[in-house]
Amino acid sequence: MNEFYRKPKFSDLDMPIGKRARLNRLLYEKGIGNGKLLILPIDQGVEHGPIDFFKNPASKHPRYELELARRGGYSAIAFHFGLAAKYRREFPDIPVILKINGKTNIPDDARAFSALTATVEDAVRLGADAVGYTLFVGSPAQSKDIAQLTKVRANCDRYGMPLIVWSYPRGEAIDRKGGRNHFYAVDYAARLASECGADIVKVNFPKLEYDPEKNGSPPAPYNDIDIDETEAFRQVVESAGDTMVLVSGGSKTDDKELLGKVEMSMKAGATGLIFGRNMWQRPMDEALVLTDKIKEIMNKY
């Protein structure tokens, strides 16, 4: 353990009063309420189209996810402007994270870039408690991406709005250095989001294995590092510094694997989890049972 690192403590973070008030609601007044975050995202309708909703047809209507967030006691729900504007009034008790950029998955993502779909001002007007921004690390369009993020970050500071960065490695350069989910790529993504001013960063859980024939090799020392996955993620959390870290759930998986990821993430120092398809692709009763199991693990740390 690095002697100079300590896990971010909300009371010690230097931020505008508006950010502090909104983050306090998310961390302590809603959801688990002990400084941890459990967020339900439904931004997949932009990123993937309607295809993700076929596994649970009820989930095609946003009221399903909003009701799951309400019954399950989630810290917040994350969605794009159109859904927030249409359903926010019907569910005023559920904190909102407004996702303000996105792209479809129809074009090849080698030159991935998510254009703005809303503004920080929209988030203020809708009563959101944070904004979400997707940053594609390593994409050929990353210079444009970082410039756009810089303007968003400045407006977040101006309006006292917490900034959550979905920091995702993408592009051929990343694919040639171990792949987008390798420890090297995820570690870099966490650090870049912190350097760009994120208050919270969302990353995928890092993998240590890679296929040299398919993905080349990550740079040293990542190519031959003798640690387990929990330690790898602990180092990702450390790379993020005073930026709190959320773990993405990714595509739907079995309960044992999902709960194992929860255990490793919280043990390694994550502030919370942002699980979407693993929750709302299930019937309501199953999703609520799984939510309780996740909360039980989170409360151990």
Protein backbone atom coordinates (compact mmCIF):
# COMPACT_ATOMS: atom_id res chain seq x y z
CA MET A 1 0.00 0.00 0.00
CA ASN A 2 1.28 3.45 -0.95
CA GLU A 3 1.91 5.40 2.28
CA PHE A 4 0.74 8.62 0.61
CA TYR A 5 -2.62 7.25 -0.53
CA ARG A 6 -5.79 7.28 1.49
CA LYS A 7 -9.28 6.44 0.28
CA PRO A 8 -11.28 9.58 -0.51
CA LYS A 9 -13.25 10.77 2.51
CA PHE A 10 -16.20 12.93 1.54
CA SER A 11 -15.77 15.34 4.44
CA ASP A 12 -12.18 16.07 3.37
CA LEU A 13 -12.87 16.72 -0.32
CA ASP A 14 -12.44 20.32 -1.48
CA MET A 15 -15.43 21.18 -3.68
CA PRO A 16 -18.07 23.91 -4.14
CA ILE A 17 -21.01 23.88 -1.73
CA GLY A 18 -23.46 22.91 -4.50
CA LYS A 19 -21.46 19.81 -5.36
CA ARG A 20 -21.14 18.96 -1.70
CA ALA A 21 -24.89 19.26 -1.12
CA ARG A 22 -25.77 17.09 -4.12
CA LEU A 23 -23.17 14.43 -3.37
CA ASN A 24 -24.26 14.36 0.26
CA ARG A 25 -27.79 13.47 -0.90
CA LEU A 26 -26.49 10.65 -3.06
CA LEU A 27 -24.02 9.28 -0.51
CA TYR A 28 -25.87 9.72 2.76
CA GLU A 29 -29.52 10.71 2.31
CA LYS A 30 -30.57 8.23 -0.38
CA GLY A 31 -29.86 4.61 -1.22
CA ILE A 32 -27.61 2.75 1.17
CA GLY A 33 -26.93 5.98 3.03
CA ASN A 34 -23.51 5.22 4.50
CA GLY A 35 -21.23 6.92 2.01
CA LYS A 36 -21.65 4.26 -0.68
CA LEU A 37 -23.43 4.45 -4.02
CA LEU A 38 -25.66 1.94 -5.80
CA ILE A 39 -26.78 3.42 -9.12
CA LEU A 40 -29.18 2.02 -11.71
CA PRO A 41 -28.28 3.16 -15.26
CA ILE A 42 -30.66 3.11 -18.20
CA ASP A 43 -28.54 4.87 -20.81
CA GLN A 44 -28.36 1.67 -22.86
CA GLY A 45 -31.29 2.78 -25.04
CA VAL A 46 -28.94 5.28 -26.67
CA GLU A 47 -25.82 3.13 -26.64
CA HIS A 48 -27.41 -0.14 -27.81
CA GLY A 49 -30.91 0.71 -29.04
CA PRO A 50 -33.97 -1.32 -27.89
CA ILE A 51 -32.18 -4.68 -28.17
CA ASP A 52 -31.29 -4.89 -24.46
CA PHE A 53 -34.94 -4.75 -23.43
CA PHE A 54 -35.99 -7.97 -25.19
CA LYS A 55 -34.72 -10.14 -22.31
CA ASN A 56 -37.33 -8.52 -20.07
CA PRO A 57 -40.03 -6.81 -22.14
CA ALA A 58 -41.34 -4.94 -19.10
CA SER A 59 -38.02 -3.08 -18.94
CA LYS A 60 -38.65 -1.40 -22.30
CA HIS A 61 -40.71 1.22 -20.50
CA PRO A 62 -38.65 3.49 -18.19
CA ARG A 63 -41.31 3.20 -15.48
CA TYR A 64 -40.01 -0.33 -14.85
CA GLU A 65 -36.48 0.85 -14.04
CA LEU A 66 -37.77 3.81 -12.05
CA GLU A 67 -39.99 1.55 -9.98
CA LEU A 68 -37.07 -0.84 -9.45
CA ALA A 69 -34.94 2.07 -8.28
CA ARG A 70 -37.70 3.15 -5.90
CA ARG A 71 -38.46 -0.28 -4.44
CA GLY A 72 -34.81 -1.31 -4.33
CA GLY A 73 -33.69 1.87 -2.59
CA TYR A 74 -31.05 2.82 -5.16
CA SER A 75 -28.93 5.93 -4.68
CA ALA A 76 -29.93 7.27 -8.10
CA ILE A 77 -31.00 6.40 -11.62
CA ALA A 78 -28.92 7.50 -14.61
CA PHE A 79 -30.55 8.33 -17.92
CA HIS A 80 -30.57 10.75 -20.86
CA PHE A 81 -32.47 14.02 -21.18
CA GLY A 82 -35.53 12.70 -22.98
CA LEU A 83 -36.37 10.16 -20.29
CA ALA A 84 -35.51 12.51 -17.45
CA ALA A 85 -37.73 15.25 -18.89
CA LYS A 86 -40.67 12.88 -19.43
CA TYR A 87 -40.61 10.84 -16.21
CA ARG A 88 -38.83 12.97 -13.59
CA ARG A 89 -42.10 14.52 -12.39
CA GLU A 90 -43.73 11.11 -11.92
CA PHE A 91 -40.86 9.86 -9.73
CA PRO A 92 -39.61 12.97 -7.88
CA ASP A 93 -38.25 10.96 -4.95
CA ILE A 94 -35.58 9.18 -7.01
CA PRO A 95 -32.29 11.11 -7.46
CA VAL A 96 -31.29 11.58 -11.10
CA ILE A 97 -27.90 11.46 -12.78
CA LEU A 98 -28.36 13.12 -16.16
CA LYS A 99 -26.24 11.48 -18.85
CA ILE A 100 -25.29 14.36 -21.14
CA ASN A 101 -23.45 12.66 -24.00
CA GLY A 102 -23.79 9.46 -25.97
CA LYS A 103 -23.54 7.65 -29.29
CA THR A 104 -25.17 4.71 -31.02
CA ASN A 105 -23.33 1.44 -31.58
CA ILE A 106 -24.22 1.36 -35.28
CA PRO A 107 -20.91 2.76 -36.61
CA ASP A 108 -17.59 1.07 -35.85
CA ASP A 109 -16.33 2.38 -32.50
CA ALA A 110 -12.66 2.57 -33.51
CA ARG A 111 -13.10 6.34 -33.75
CA ALA A 112 -15.50 6.45 -30.83
CA PHE A 113 -16.83 9.82 -29.73
CA SER A 114 -19.97 10.68 -27.75
CA ALA A 115 -21.56 13.97 -28.74
CA LEU A 116 -23.49 16.05 -26.22
CA THR A 117 -27.16 15.20 -25.86
CA ALA A 118 -27.82 17.68 -23.05
CA THR A 119 -26.10 20.34 -20.95
CA VAL A 120 -25.18 20.93 -17.33
CA GLU A 121 -27.86 23.64 -17.31
CA ASP A 122 -30.41 20.98 -18.30
CA ALA A 123 -29.31 18.92 -15.31
CA VAL A 124 -29.84 21.90 -12.98
CA ARG A 125 -33.27 22.62 -14.47
CA LEU A 126 -34.36 18.98 -14.09
CA GLY A 127 -33.23 18.83 -10.47
CA ALA A 128 -30.48 16.27 -11.10
CA ASP A 129 -27.89 15.51 -8.45
CA ALA A 130 -25.03 14.79 -10.89
CA VAL A 131 -24.19 14.60 -14.57
CA GLY A 132 -22.64 11.65 -16.38
CA TYR A 133 -20.16 11.96 -19.23
CA THR A 134 -18.62 9.17 -21.34
CA LEU A 135 -14.92 9.59 -22.14
CA PHE A 136 -13.34 7.17 -24.63
CA VAL A 137 -9.71 6.75 -23.61
CA GLY A 138 -7.36 5.93 -26.47
CA SER A 139 -9.81 6.61 -29.29
CA PRO A 140 -8.43 8.59 -32.25
CA ALA A 141 -11.08 11.17 -31.32
CA GLN A 142 -9.87 11.54 -27.72
CA SER A 143 -8.47 15.07 -28.23
CA LYS A 144 -11.93 16.26 -29.28
CA ASP A 145 -13.41 14.24 -26.43
CA ILE A 146 -11.15 15.74 -23.76
CA ALA A 147 -11.82 19.26 -25.08
CA GLN A 148 -15.58 18.66 -24.82
CA LEU A 149 -15.19 17.19 -21.34
CA THR A 150 -13.18 20.23 -20.24
CA LYS A 151 -16.10 22.52 -21.10
CA VAL A 152 -18.51 20.22 -19.28
CA ARG A 153 -16.26 20.14 -16.21
CA ALA A 154 -16.07 23.95 -16.18
CA ASN A 155 -19.87 24.19 -16.24
CA CYS A 156 -20.13 21.58 -13.49
CA ASP A 157 -17.86 23.74 -11.33
CA ARG A 158 -19.87 26.83 -12.26
CA TYR A 159 -23.23 25.29 -11.32
CA GLY A 160 -22.09 23.13 -8.41
CA MET A 161 -22.94 19.90 -10.21
CA PRO A 162 -20.98 16.68 -9.47
CA LEU A 163 -19.30 15.15 -12.53
CA ILE A 164 -19.30 11.38 -13.03
CA VAL A 165 -17.10 10.21 -15.90
CA TRP A 166 -17.80 6.90 -17.62
CA SER A 167 -14.12 6.30 -18.50
CA TYR A 168 -13.92 3.61 -21.15
CA PRO A 169 -10.82 2.56 -23.14
CA ARG A 170 -11.64 2.25 -26.84
CA GLY A 171 -9.96 2.06 -30.23
CA GLU A 172 -7.36 0.08 -32.13
CA ALA A 173 -4.44 1.42 -30.06
CA ILE A 174 -5.98 0.04 -26.87
CA ASP A 175 -6.90 -3.21 -28.59
CA ARG A 176 -3.21 -3.69 -29.48
CA LYS A 177 -2.09 -3.16 -25.87
CA GLY A 178 -3.91 -5.92 -24.07
CA GLY A 179 -7.50 -4.95 -24.81
CA ARG A 180 -10.02 -2.49 -23.43
CA ASN A 181 -10.67 -4.36 -20.18
CA HIS A 182 -7.08 -5.18 -19.27
CA PHE A 183 -5.64 -3.76 -16.06
CA TYR A 184 -3.41 -1.37 -18.04
CA ALA A 185 -6.35 0.15 -19.93
CA VAL A 186 -8.66 0.42 -16.91
CA ASP A 187 -5.89 1.85 -14.72
CA TYR A 188 -5.12 4.50 -17.36
CA ALA A 189 -8.82 5.32 -17.72
CA ALA A 190 -9.23 5.88 -13.98
CA ARG A 191 -6.19 8.14 -13.83
CA LEU A 192 -7.20 10.18 -16.88
CA ALA A 193 -10.69 10.83 -15.49
CA SER A 194 -9.18 12.02 -12.23
CA GLU A 195 -6.70 14.27 -14.06
CA CYS A 196 -9.57 15.75 -16.11
CA GLY A 197 -11.51 16.74 -12.99
CA ALA A 198 -14.03 13.96 -12.42
CA ASP A 199 -15.59 13.79 -8.97
CA ILE A 200 -16.49 10.13 -9.55
CA VAL A 201 -15.21 7.75 -12.23
CA LYS A 202 -17.01 4.70 -13.57
CA VAL A 203 -14.77 1.90 -14.84
CA ASN A 204 -14.99 -1.75 -15.75
CA PHE A 205 -13.48 -4.29 -13.40
CA PRO A 206 -9.93 -4.96 -14.70
CA LYS A 207 -8.76 -8.25 -16.17
CA LEU A 208 -5.22 -9.57 -15.94
CA GLU A 209 -5.31 -12.11 -18.76
CA TYR A 210 -4.87 -11.11 -22.39
CA ASP A 211 -4.49 -12.83 -25.74
CA PRO A 212 -1.19 -11.76 -27.40
CA GLU A 213 -2.36 -12.92 -30.81
CA LYS A 214 -5.60 -10.98 -30.61
CA ASN A 215 -4.68 -8.00 -28.43
CA GLY A 216 -0.91 -7.75 -28.44
CA SER A 217 0.72 -7.03 -25.10
CA PRO A 218 0.22 -4.25 -22.54
CA PRO A 219 3.34 -2.22 -21.71
CA ALA A 220 5.62 -3.14 -18.83
CA PRO A 221 5.08 -3.67 -15.96
CA TYR A 222 1.43 -4.51 -16.78
CA ASN A 223 2.46 -7.35 -19.09
CA ASP A 224 4.05 -9.43 -16.34
CA ILE A 225 2.66 -8.32 -12.99
CA ASP A 226 2.17 -10.87 -10.22
CA ILE A 227 -1.08 -9.80 -8.52
CA ASP A 228 -4.68 -11.02 -8.35
CA GLU A 229 -7.73 -9.18 -9.69
CA THR A 230 -8.66 -7.65 -6.34
CA GLU A 231 -5.20 -6.13 -5.99
CA ALA A 232 -5.36 -4.92 -9.58
CA PHE A 233 -8.58 -3.09 -8.84
CA ARG A 234 -7.17 -1.71 -5.59
CA GLN A 235 -4.40 -0.17 -7.67
CA VAL A 236 -7.01 1.28 -10.06
CA VAL A 237 -8.74 2.90 -7.08
CA GLU A 238 -5.39 4.28 -5.97
CA SER A 239 -4.70 5.66 -9.46
CA ALA A 240 -7.98 7.58 -9.23
CA GLY A 241 -6.70 9.38 -6.11
CA ASP A 242 -9.43 11.53 -4.53
CA THR A 243 -11.83 10.68 -7.33
CA MET A 244 -14.35 8.14 -6.07
CA VAL A 245 -14.65 4.94 -8.13
CA LEU A 246 -17.75 3.12 -9.36
CA VAL A 247 -17.64 -0.36 -10.88
CA SER A 248 -19.68 -1.07 -13.99
CA GLY A 249 -21.77 -4.22 -14.12
CA GLY A 250 -21.50 -4.71 -17.87
CA SER A 251 -23.62 -7.26 -19.71
CA LYS A 252 -25.88 -9.63 -17.78
CA THR A 253 -24.08 -12.46 -16.00
CA ASP A 254 -24.97 -15.12 -13.43
CA ASP A 255 -25.55 -14.21 -9.80
CA LYS A 256 -22.45 -15.93 -8.44
CA GLU A 257 -20.11 -14.09 -10.80
CA LEU A 258 -21.88 -10.78 -10.21
CA LEU A 259 -21.79 -11.05 -6.41
CA GLY A 260 -18.13 -12.08 -6.62
CA LYS A 261 -17.42 -8.86 -8.53
CA VAL A 262 -19.27 -6.88 -5.85
CA GLU A 263 -17.20 -8.49 -3.09
CA MET A 264 -13.87 -7.86 -4.84
CA SER A 265 -14.81 -4.30 -5.78
CA MET A 266 -15.84 -3.21 -2.31
CA LYS A 267 -12.91 -5.01 -0.69
CA ALA A 268 -10.55 -3.13 -3.01
CA GLY A 269 -11.97 0.28 -2.07
CA ALA A 270 -14.75 1.10 -4.54
CA THR A 271 -17.22 3.77 -3.46
CA GLY A 272 -20.01 1.93 -5.19
CA LEU A 273 -21.53 0.10 -8.11
CA ILE A 274 -23.47 1.06 -11.22
CA PHE A 275 -25.37 -2.03 -12.36
CA GLY A 276 -27.99 -1.80 -15.12
CA ARG A 277 -28.64 -4.79 -17.36
CA ASN A 278 -27.75 -7.21 -14.56
CA MET A 279 -30.67 -5.75 -12.63
CA TRP A 280 -33.45 -4.62 -14.99
CA GLN A 281 -33.13 -7.54 -17.41
CA ARG A 282 -34.64 -9.62 -14.60
CA PRO A 283 -38.24 -9.83 -13.37
CA MET A 284 -38.92 -7.33 -10.60
CA ASP A 285 -38.98 -9.86 -7.74
CA GLU A 286 -35.66 -11.42 -8.81
CA ALA A 287 -34.05 -8.01 -9.25
CA LEU A 288 -35.11 -6.91 -5.78
CA VAL A 289 -33.76 -10.09 -4.17
CA LEU A 290 -30.43 -9.60 -5.94
CA THR A 291 -30.38 -5.92 -4.93
CA ASP A 292 -30.68 -6.92 -1.28
CA LYS A 293 -27.80 -9.38 -1.63
CA ILE A 294 -25.63 -6.68 -3.21
CA LYS A 295 -26.45 -4.22 -0.43
CA GLU A 296 -25.59 -6.83 2.19
CA ILE A 297 -22.10 -7.20 0.70
CA MET A 298 -21.63 -3.44 0.32
CA ASN A 299 -22.50 -2.89 3.98
CA LYS A 300 -19.63 -5.16 5.04
CA TYR A 301 -17.05 -2.63 3.87
